[in-house]
Amino acid sequence: MTSQPLELEGSWEEILTHAPELAGRRLRVTVLSDEPQPNSAEKPANFRPASGRSLLRHAGTWAGDDLEECLQIVHDTRSPVEL
């Protein structure tokens, strides 16, 4: 049975605190760039909000007979926006 590799990330000094548990083991060290890592909450540089163009492909293609019922359910169950 193969165990999952241990992955550590931090400064060299932080990694050295794990020296006793890593002694005698094979390691792979990757030195990362000095550039700050993007915050996961930030959007990537190439992020573009949706334009709705993909929805337009379906415009006018409704094939069911329950459109009015579906719209009424949406109106009945939506809640007011809190800003």
PDB file of N, CA and C in Angstrom:
ATOM      1  N   MET A   1       0.845  -1.169   0.000  1.00  0.00           N
ATOM      2  CA  MET A   1       0.000   0.000   0.000  1.00  0.00           C
ATOM      3  C   MET A   1       0.890   1.231   0.000  1.00  0.00           C
ATOM      4  N   THR A   2       0.662   2.152  -0.932  1.00  0.00           N
ATOM      5  CA  THR A   2       1.465   3.356  -1.051  1.00  0.00           C
ATOM      6  C   THR A   2       0.791   4.492  -0.299  1.00  0.00           C
ATOM      7  N   SER A   3       1.555   5.160   0.561  1.00  0.00           N
ATOM      8  CA  SER A   3       0.983   6.290   1.290  1.00  0.00           C
ATOM      9  C   SER A   3       1.111   7.557   0.465  1.00  0.00           C
ATOM     10  N   GLN A   4       0.238   8.512   0.720  1.00  0.00           N
ATOM     11  CA  GLN A   4       0.276   9.789   0.027  1.00  0.00           C
ATOM     12  C   GLN A   4       1.541  10.538   0.410  1.00  0.00           C
ATOM     13  N   PRO A   5       2.169  11.246  -0.529  1.00  0.00           N
ATOM     14  CA  PRO A   5       3.355  12.021  -0.185  1.00  0.00           C
ATOM     15  C   PRO A   5       2.986  13.174   0.743  1.00  0.00           C
ATOM     16  N   LEU A   6       3.901  13.506   1.619  1.00  0.00           N
ATOM     17  CA  LEU A   6       3.726  14.636   2.520  1.00  0.00           C
ATOM     18  C   LEU A   6       4.114  15.887   1.760  1.00  0.00           C
ATOM     19  N   GLU A   7       3.262  16.894   1.765  1.00  0.00           N
ATOM     20  CA  GLU A   7       3.560  18.140   1.063  1.00  0.00           C
ATOM     21  C   GLU A   7       3.662  19.262   2.074  1.00  0.00           C
ATOM     22  N   LEU A   8       4.803  19.931   2.070  1.00  0.00           N
ATOM     23  CA  LEU A   8       5.039  21.049   2.973  1.00  0.00           C
ATOM     24  C   LEU A   8       5.307  22.290   2.144  1.00  0.00           C
ATOM     25  N   GLU A   9       4.817  23.425   2.602  1.00  0.00           N
ATOM     26  CA  GLU A   9       5.093  24.684   1.926  1.00  0.00           C
ATOM     27  C   GLU A   9       5.352  25.740   2.974  1.00  0.00           C
ATOM     28  N   GLY A  10       6.357  26.556   2.743  1.00  0.00           N
ATOM     29  CA  GLY A  10       6.691  27.626   3.663  1.00  0.00           C
ATOM     30  C   GLY A  10       8.104  28.099   3.397  1.00  0.00           C
ATOM     31  N   SER A  11       8.597  28.929   4.286  1.00  0.00           N
ATOM     32  CA  SER A  11       9.981  29.387   4.135  1.00  0.00           C
ATOM     33  C   SER A  11      10.917  28.238   4.500  1.00  0.00           C
ATOM     34  N   TRP A  12      12.188  28.389   4.136  1.00  0.00           N
ATOM     35  CA  TRP A  12      13.167  27.359   4.448  1.00  0.00           C
ATOM     36  C   TRP A  12      13.207  27.119   5.950  1.00  0.00           C
ATOM     37  N   GLU A  13      13.133  28.185   6.711  1.00  0.00           N
ATOM     38  CA  GLU A  13      13.170  28.058   8.167  1.00  0.00           C
ATOM     39  C   GLU A  13      11.957  27.260   8.684  1.00  0.00           C
ATOM     40  N   GLU A  14      10.794  27.465   8.067  1.00  0.00           N
ATOM     41  CA  GLU A  14       9.603  26.721   8.475  1.00  0.00           C
ATOM     42  C   GLU A  14       9.735  25.240   8.103  1.00  0.00           C
ATOM     43  N   ILE A  15      10.318  24.974   6.949  1.00  0.00           N
ATOM     44  CA  ILE A  15      10.514  23.583   6.527  1.00  0.00           C
ATOM     45  C   ILE A  15      11.506  22.883   7.454  1.00  0.00           C
ATOM     46  N   LEU A  16      12.539  23.596   7.870  1.00  0.00           N
ATOM     47  CA  LEU A  16      13.555  23.003   8.750  1.00  0.00           C
ATOM     48  C   LEU A  16      12.977  22.532  10.078  1.00  0.00           C
ATOM     49  N   THR A  17      11.871  23.106  10.516  1.00  0.00           N
ATOM     50  CA  THR A  17      11.268  22.648  11.779  1.00  0.00           C
ATOM     51  C   THR A  17      10.779  21.208  11.658  1.00  0.00           C
ATOM     52  N   HIS A  18      10.641  20.700  10.429  1.00  0.00           N
ATOM     53  CA  HIS A  18      10.196  19.321  10.195  1.00  0.00           C
ATOM     54  C   HIS A  18      11.371  18.373   9.974  1.00  0.00           C
ATOM     55  N   ALA A  19      12.596  18.859  10.151  1.00  0.00           N
ATOM     56  CA  ALA A  19      13.794  18.053   9.890  1.00  0.00           C
ATOM     57  C   ALA A  19      13.781  16.707  10.604  1.00  0.00           C
ATOM     58  N   PRO A  20      13.402  16.631  11.880  1.00  0.00           N
ATOM     59  CA  PRO A  20      13.433  15.319  12.537  1.00  0.00           C
ATOM     60  C   PRO A  20      12.538  14.276  11.865  1.00  0.00           C
ATOM     61  N   GLU A  21      11.354  14.658  11.424  1.00  0.00           N
ATOM     62  CA  GLU A  21      10.451  13.682  10.788  1.00  0.00           C
ATOM     63  C   GLU A  21      10.845  13.392   9.347  1.00  0.00           C
ATOM     64  N   LEU A  22      11.680  14.255   8.735  1.00  0.00           N
ATOM     65  CA  LEU A  22      12.106  14.055   7.353  1.00  0.00           C
ATOM     66  C   LEU A  22      13.471  13.389   7.245  1.00  0.00           C
ATOM     67  N   ALA A  23      14.166  13.236   8.336  1.00  0.00           N
ATOM     68  CA  ALA A  23      15.518  12.661   8.315  1.00  0.00           C
ATOM     69  C   ALA A  23      15.483  11.262   7.692  1.00  0.00           C
ATOM     70  N   GLY A  24      16.365  11.027   6.723  1.00  0.00           N
ATOM     71  CA  GLY A  24      16.474   9.722   6.079  1.00  0.00           C
ATOM     72  C   GLY A  24      15.464   9.477   4.982  1.00  0.00           C
ATOM     73  N   ARG A  25      14.588  10.413   4.706  1.00  0.00           N
ATOM     74  CA  ARG A  25      13.573  10.226   3.660  1.00  0.00           C
ATOM     75  C   ARG A  25      13.999  10.904   2.378  1.00  0.00           C
ATOM     76  N   ARG A  26      13.501  10.402   1.251  1.00  0.00           N
ATOM     77  CA  ARG A  26      13.739  11.047  -0.037  1.00  0.00           C
ATOM     78  C   ARG A  26      12.851  12.283  -0.115  1.00  0.00           C
ATOM     79  N   LEU A  27      13.414  13.371  -0.656  1.00  0.00           N
ATOM     80  CA  LEU A  27      12.685  14.639  -0.742  1.00  0.00           C
ATOM     81  C   LEU A  27      12.767  15.206  -2.148  1.00  0.00           C
ATOM     82  N   ARG A  28      11.797  16.014  -2.485  1.00  0.00           N
ATOM     83  CA  ARG A  28      11.838  16.821  -3.703  1.00  0.00           C
ATOM     84  C   ARG A  28      11.598  18.250  -3.245  1.00  0.00           C
ATOM     85  N   VAL A  29      12.510  19.149  -3.583  1.00  0.00           N
ATOM     86  CA  VAL A  29      12.411  20.541  -3.163  1.00  0.00           C
ATOM     87  C   VAL A  29      12.154  21.405  -4.385  1.00  0.00           C
ATOM     88  N   THR A  30      11.142  22.231  -4.330  1.00  0.00           N
ATOM     89  CA  THR A  30      10.841  23.177  -5.394  1.00  0.00           C
ATOM     90  C   THR A  30      10.952  24.573  -4.800  1.00  0.00           C
ATOM     91  N   VAL A  31      11.791  25.402  -5.377  1.00  0.00           N
ATOM     92  CA  VAL A  31      11.944  26.772  -4.905  1.00  0.00           C
ATOM     93  C   VAL A  31      10.986  27.640  -5.705  1.00  0.00           C
ATOM     94  N   LEU A  32      10.052  28.276  -5.011  1.00  0.00           N
ATOM     95  CA  LEU A  32       9.036  29.104  -5.651  1.00  0.00           C
ATOM     96  C   LEU A  32       9.576  30.499  -5.901  1.00  0.00           C
ATOM     97  N   SER A  33       8.934  31.225  -6.817  1.00  0.00           N
ATOM     98  CA  SER A  33       9.363  32.596  -7.107  1.00  0.00           C
ATOM     99  C   SER A  33       9.060  33.493  -5.911  1.00  0.00           C
ATOM    100  N   ASP A  34       9.696  34.651  -5.892  1.00  0.00           N
ATOM    101  CA  ASP A  34       9.481  35.607  -4.805  1.00  0.00           C
ATOM    102  C   ASP A  34       8.193  36.388  -4.968  1.00  0.00           C
ATOM    103  N   GLU A  35       7.533  36.234  -6.116  1.00  0.00           N
ATOM    104  CA  GLU A  35       6.285  36.953  -6.342  1.00  0.00           C
ATOM    105  C   GLU A  35       5.228  36.441  -5.377  1.00  0.00           C
ATOM    106  N   PRO A  36       4.434  37.344  -4.815  1.00  0.00           N
ATOM    107  CA  PRO A  36       3.390  36.899  -3.897  1.00  0.00           C
ATOM    108  C   PRO A  36       2.360  36.031  -4.614  1.00  0.00           C
ATOM    109  N   GLN A  37       1.911  35.015  -3.946  1.00  0.00           N
ATOM    110  CA  GLN A  37       0.904  34.136  -4.513  1.00  0.00           C
ATOM    111  C   GLN A  37      -0.439  34.857  -4.525  1.00  0.00           C
ATOM    112  N   PRO A  38      -1.219  34.731  -5.597  1.00  0.00           N
ATOM    113  CA  PRO A  38      -2.524  35.402  -5.637  1.00  0.00           C
ATOM    114  C   PRO A  38      -3.448  34.850  -4.566  1.00  0.00           C
ATOM    115  N   ASN A  39      -4.196  35.727  -3.988  1.00  0.00           N
ATOM    116  CA  ASN A  39      -5.190  35.343  -2.995  1.00  0.00           C
ATOM    117  C   ASN A  39      -6.270  34.539  -3.709  1.00  0.00           C
ATOM    118  N   SER A  40      -6.701  33.446  -3.121  1.00  0.00           N
ATOM    119  CA  SER A  40      -7.705  32.599  -3.780  1.00  0.00           C
ATOM    120  C   SER A  40      -9.015  33.344  -3.995  1.00  0.00           C
ATOM    121  N   ALA A  41      -9.270  34.413  -3.221  1.00  0.00           N
ATOM    122  CA  ALA A  41     -10.497  35.185  -3.387  1.00  0.00           C
ATOM    123  C   ALA A  41     -10.396  36.140  -4.575  1.00  0.00           C
ATOM    124  N   GLU A  42      -9.168  36.435  -5.042  1.00  0.00           N
ATOM    125  CA  GLU A  42      -8.990  37.335  -6.174  1.00  0.00           C
ATOM    126  C   GLU A  42      -9.321  36.607  -7.472  1.00  0.00           C
ATOM    127  N   LYS A  43      -9.797  37.357  -8.427  1.00  0.00           N
ATOM    128  CA  LYS A  43     -10.090  36.773  -9.726  1.00  0.00           C
ATOM    129  C   LYS A  43      -8.811  36.737 -10.543  1.00  0.00           C
ATOM    130  N   PRO A  44      -8.606  35.702 -11.350  1.00  0.00           N
ATOM    131  CA  PRO A  44      -7.423  35.653 -12.192  1.00  0.00           C
ATOM    132  C   PRO A  44      -7.410  36.825 -13.173  1.00  0.00           C
ATOM    133  N   ALA A  45      -6.228  37.170 -13.668  1.00  0.00           N
ATOM    134  CA  ALA A  45      -6.074  38.321 -14.555  1.00  0.00           C
ATOM    135  C   ALA A  45      -6.909  38.184 -15.818  1.00  0.00           C
ATOM    136  N   ASN A  46      -7.136  36.978 -16.304  1.00  0.00           N
ATOM    137  CA  ASN A  46      -7.892  36.789 -17.536  1.00  0.00           C
ATOM    138  C   ASN A  46      -9.387  36.547 -17.267  1.00  0.00           C
ATOM    139  N   PHE A  47      -9.853  36.828 -16.053  1.00  0.00           N
ATOM    140  CA  PHE A  47     -11.265  36.622 -15.714  1.00  0.00           C
ATOM    141  C   PHE A  47     -12.132  37.654 -16.420  1.00  0.00           C
ATOM    142  N   ARG A  48     -13.188  37.190 -17.053  1.00  0.00           N
ATOM    143  CA  ARG A  48     -14.180  38.086 -17.654  1.00  0.00           C
ATOM    144  C   ARG A  48     -15.544  37.641 -17.172  1.00  0.00           C
ATOM    145  N   PRO A  49     -16.347  38.560 -16.652  1.00  0.00           N
ATOM    146  CA  PRO A  49     -17.686  38.161 -16.218  1.00  0.00           C
ATOM    147  C   PRO A  49     -18.507  37.657 -17.407  1.00  0.00           C
ATOM    148  N   ALA A  50     -19.468  36.823 -17.129  1.00  0.00           N
ATOM    149  CA  ALA A  50     -20.312  36.260 -18.181  1.00  0.00           C
ATOM    150  C   ALA A  50     -21.075  37.372 -18.886  1.00  0.00           C
ATOM    151  N   SER A  51     -21.229  37.237 -20.183  1.00  0.00           N
ATOM    152  CA  SER A  51     -21.914  38.260 -20.968  1.00  0.00           C
ATOM    153  C   SER A  51     -23.361  37.896 -21.246  1.00  0.00           C
ATOM    154  N   GLY A  52     -23.724  36.674 -21.034  1.00  0.00           N
ATOM    155  CA  GLY A  52     -25.073  36.234 -21.355  1.00  0.00           C
ATOM    156  C   GLY A  52     -25.186  35.716 -22.775  1.00  0.00           C
ATOM    157  N   ARG A  53     -24.094  35.820 -23.536  1.00  0.00           N
ATOM    158  CA  ARG A  53     -24.124  35.371 -24.924  1.00  0.00           C
ATOM    159  C   ARG A  53     -24.486  33.894 -25.025  1.00  0.00           C
ATOM    160  N   SER A  54     -24.002  33.086 -24.069  1.00  0.00           N
ATOM    161  CA  SER A  54     -24.306  31.659 -24.139  1.00  0.00           C
ATOM    162  C   SER A  54     -25.792  31.406 -23.939  1.00  0.00           C
ATOM    163  N   LEU A  55     -26.469  32.263 -23.192  1.00  0.00           N
ATOM    164  CA  LEU A  55     -27.913  32.096 -23.007  1.00  0.00           C
ATOM    165  C   LEU A  55     -28.690  32.461 -24.268  1.00  0.00           C
ATOM    166  N   LEU A  56     -28.156  33.389 -25.039  1.00  0.00           N
ATOM    167  CA  LEU A  56     -28.852  33.824 -26.244  1.00  0.00           C
ATOM    168  C   LEU A  56     -28.994  32.703 -27.272  1.00  0.00           C
ATOM    169  N   ARG A  57     -28.100  31.700 -27.194  1.00  0.00           N
ATOM    170  CA  ARG A  57     -28.227  30.559 -28.114  1.00  0.00           C
ATOM    171  C   ARG A  57     -29.571  29.862 -27.934  1.00  0.00           C
ATOM    172  N   HIS A  58     -30.122  29.965 -26.718  1.00  0.00           N
ATOM    173  CA  HIS A  58     -31.360  29.255 -26.415  1.00  0.00           C
ATOM    174  C   HIS A  58     -32.592  30.156 -26.494  1.00  0.00           C
ATOM    175  N   ALA A  59     -32.415  31.419 -26.780  1.00  0.00           N
ATOM    176  CA  ALA A  59     -33.540  32.354 -26.835  1.00  0.00           C
ATOM    177  C   ALA A  59     -34.529  31.914 -27.908  1.00  0.00           C
ATOM    178  N   GLY A  60     -35.776  31.889 -27.549  1.00  0.00           N
ATOM    179  CA  GLY A  60     -36.813  31.524 -28.499  1.00  0.00           C
ATOM    180  C   GLY A  60     -36.924  30.042 -28.762  1.00  0.00           C
ATOM    181  N   THR A  61     -36.293  29.228 -27.937  1.00  0.00           N
ATOM    182  CA  THR A  61     -36.336  27.787 -28.187  1.00  0.00           C
ATOM    183  C   THR A  61     -37.148  27.045 -27.138  1.00  0.00           C
ATOM    184  N   TRP A  62     -37.966  27.739 -26.353  1.00  0.00           N
ATOM    185  CA  TRP A  62     -38.761  27.073 -25.320  1.00  0.00           C
ATOM    186  C   TRP A  62     -39.717  26.097 -25.980  1.00  0.00           C
ATOM    187  N   ALA A  63     -39.730  24.853 -25.497  1.00  0.00           N
ATOM    188  CA  ALA A  63     -40.565  23.841 -26.127  1.00  0.00           C
ATOM    189  C   ALA A  63     -41.648  23.333 -25.192  1.00  0.00           C
ATOM    190  N   GLY A  64     -41.619  23.740 -23.927  1.00  0.00           N
ATOM    191  CA  GLY A  64     -42.596  23.242 -22.967  1.00  0.00           C
ATOM    192  C   GLY A  64     -43.842  24.104 -22.931  1.00  0.00           C
ATOM    193  N   ASP A  65     -44.835  23.649 -22.156  1.00  0.00           N
ATOM    194  CA  ASP A  65     -46.058  24.431 -22.018  1.00  0.00           C
ATOM    195  C   ASP A  65     -46.238  24.927 -20.582  1.00  0.00           C
ATOM    196  N   ASP A  66     -45.148  24.907 -19.792  1.00  0.00           N
ATOM    197  CA  ASP A  66     -45.251  25.306 -18.394  1.00  0.00           C
ATOM    198  C   ASP A  66     -44.462  26.578 -18.082  1.00  0.00           C
ATOM    199  N   LEU A  67     -44.212  27.406 -19.091  1.00  0.00           N
ATOM    200  CA  LEU A  67     -43.439  28.619 -18.880  1.00  0.00           C
ATOM    201  C   LEU A  67     -44.099  29.529 -17.851  1.00  0.00           C
ATOM    202  N   GLU A  68     -45.390  29.772 -17.990  1.00  0.00           N
ATOM    203  CA  GLU A  68     -46.084  30.660 -17.055  1.00  0.00           C
ATOM    204  C   GLU A  68     -46.021  30.105 -15.628  1.00  0.00           C
ATOM    205  N   GLU A  69     -46.188  28.792 -15.483  1.00  0.00           N
ATOM    206  CA  GLU A  69     -46.119  28.155 -14.165  1.00  0.00           C
ATOM    207  C   GLU A  69     -44.716  28.298 -13.567  1.00  0.00           C
ATOM    208  N   CYS A  70     -43.687  28.092 -14.380  1.00  0.00           N
ATOM    209  CA  CYS A  70     -42.314  28.237 -13.899  1.00  0.00           C
ATOM    210  C   CYS A  70     -42.029  29.665 -13.476  1.00  0.00           C
ATOM    211  N   LEU A  71     -42.462  30.627 -14.262  1.00  0.00           N
ATOM    212  CA  LEU A  71     -42.262  32.026 -13.899  1.00  0.00           C
ATOM    213  C   LEU A  71     -42.972  32.367 -12.593  1.00  0.00           C
ATOM    214  N   GLN A  72     -44.170  31.831 -12.409  1.00  0.00           N
ATOM    215  CA  GLN A  72     -44.904  32.094 -11.179  1.00  0.00           C
ATOM    216  C   GLN A  72     -44.176  31.510  -9.970  1.00  0.00           C
ATOM    217  N   ILE A  73     -43.604  30.319 -10.117  1.00  0.00           N
ATOM    218  CA  ILE A  73     -42.831  29.709  -9.024  1.00  0.00           C
ATOM    219  C   ILE A  73     -41.635  30.595  -8.674  1.00  0.00           C
ATOM    220  N   VAL A  74     -40.962  31.116  -9.689  1.00  0.00           N
ATOM    221  CA  VAL A  74     -39.821  32.003  -9.445  1.00  0.00           C
ATOM    222  C   VAL A  74     -40.275  33.238  -8.680  1.00  0.00           C
ATOM    223  N   HIS A  75     -41.355  33.856  -9.115  1.00  0.00           N
ATOM    224  CA  HIS A  75     -41.854  35.059  -8.438  1.00  0.00           C
ATOM    225  C   HIS A  75     -42.313  34.762  -7.019  1.00  0.00           C
ATOM    226  N   ASP A  76     -42.914  33.625  -6.804  1.00  0.00           N
ATOM    227  CA  ASP A  76     -43.417  33.274  -5.465  1.00  0.00           C
ATOM    228  C   ASP A  76     -42.298  32.926  -4.473  1.00  0.00           C
ATOM    229  N   THR A  77     -41.208  32.413  -4.979  1.00  0.00           N
ATOM    230  CA  THR A  77     -40.173  31.913  -4.070  1.00  0.00           C
ATOM    231  C   THR A  77     -38.950  32.811  -3.954  1.00  0.00           C
ATOM    232  N   ARG A  78     -38.862  33.878  -4.740  1.00  0.00           N
ATOM    233  CA  ARG A  78     -37.683  34.727  -4.633  1.00  0.00           C
ATOM    234  C   ARG A  78     -37.783  35.615  -3.392  1.00  0.00           C
ATOM    235  N   SER A  79     -36.645  35.977  -2.901  1.00  0.00           N
ATOM    236  CA  SER A  79     -36.606  36.844  -1.719  1.00  0.00           C
ATOM    237  C   SER A  79     -36.017  38.191  -2.109  1.00  0.00           C
ATOM    238  N   PRO A  80     -36.318  39.231  -1.333  1.00  0.00           N
ATOM    239  CA  PRO A  80     -35.799  40.554  -1.684  1.00  0.00           C
ATOM    240  C   PRO A  80     -34.275  40.597  -1.544  1.00  0.00           C
ATOM    241  N   VAL A  81     -33.673  41.452  -2.316  1.00  0.00           N
ATOM    242  CA  VAL A  81     -32.222  41.620  -2.288  1.00  0.00           C
ATOM    243  C   VAL A  81     -31.856  42.468  -1.086  1.00  0.00           C
ATOM    244  N   GLU A  82     -30.837  42.004  -0.351  1.00  0.00           N
ATOM    245  CA  GLU A  82     -30.346  42.777   0.780  1.00  0.00           C
ATOM    246  C   GLU A  82     -28.979  43.318   0.419  1.00  0.00           C
ATOM    247  N   LEU A  83     -28.846  44.618   0.352  1.00  0.00           N
ATOM    248  CA  LEU A  83     -27.572  45.242  -0.003  1.00  0.00           C
ATOM    249  C   LEU A  83     -26.940  45.887   1.203  1.00  0.00           C
TER     250      LEU A  83
END
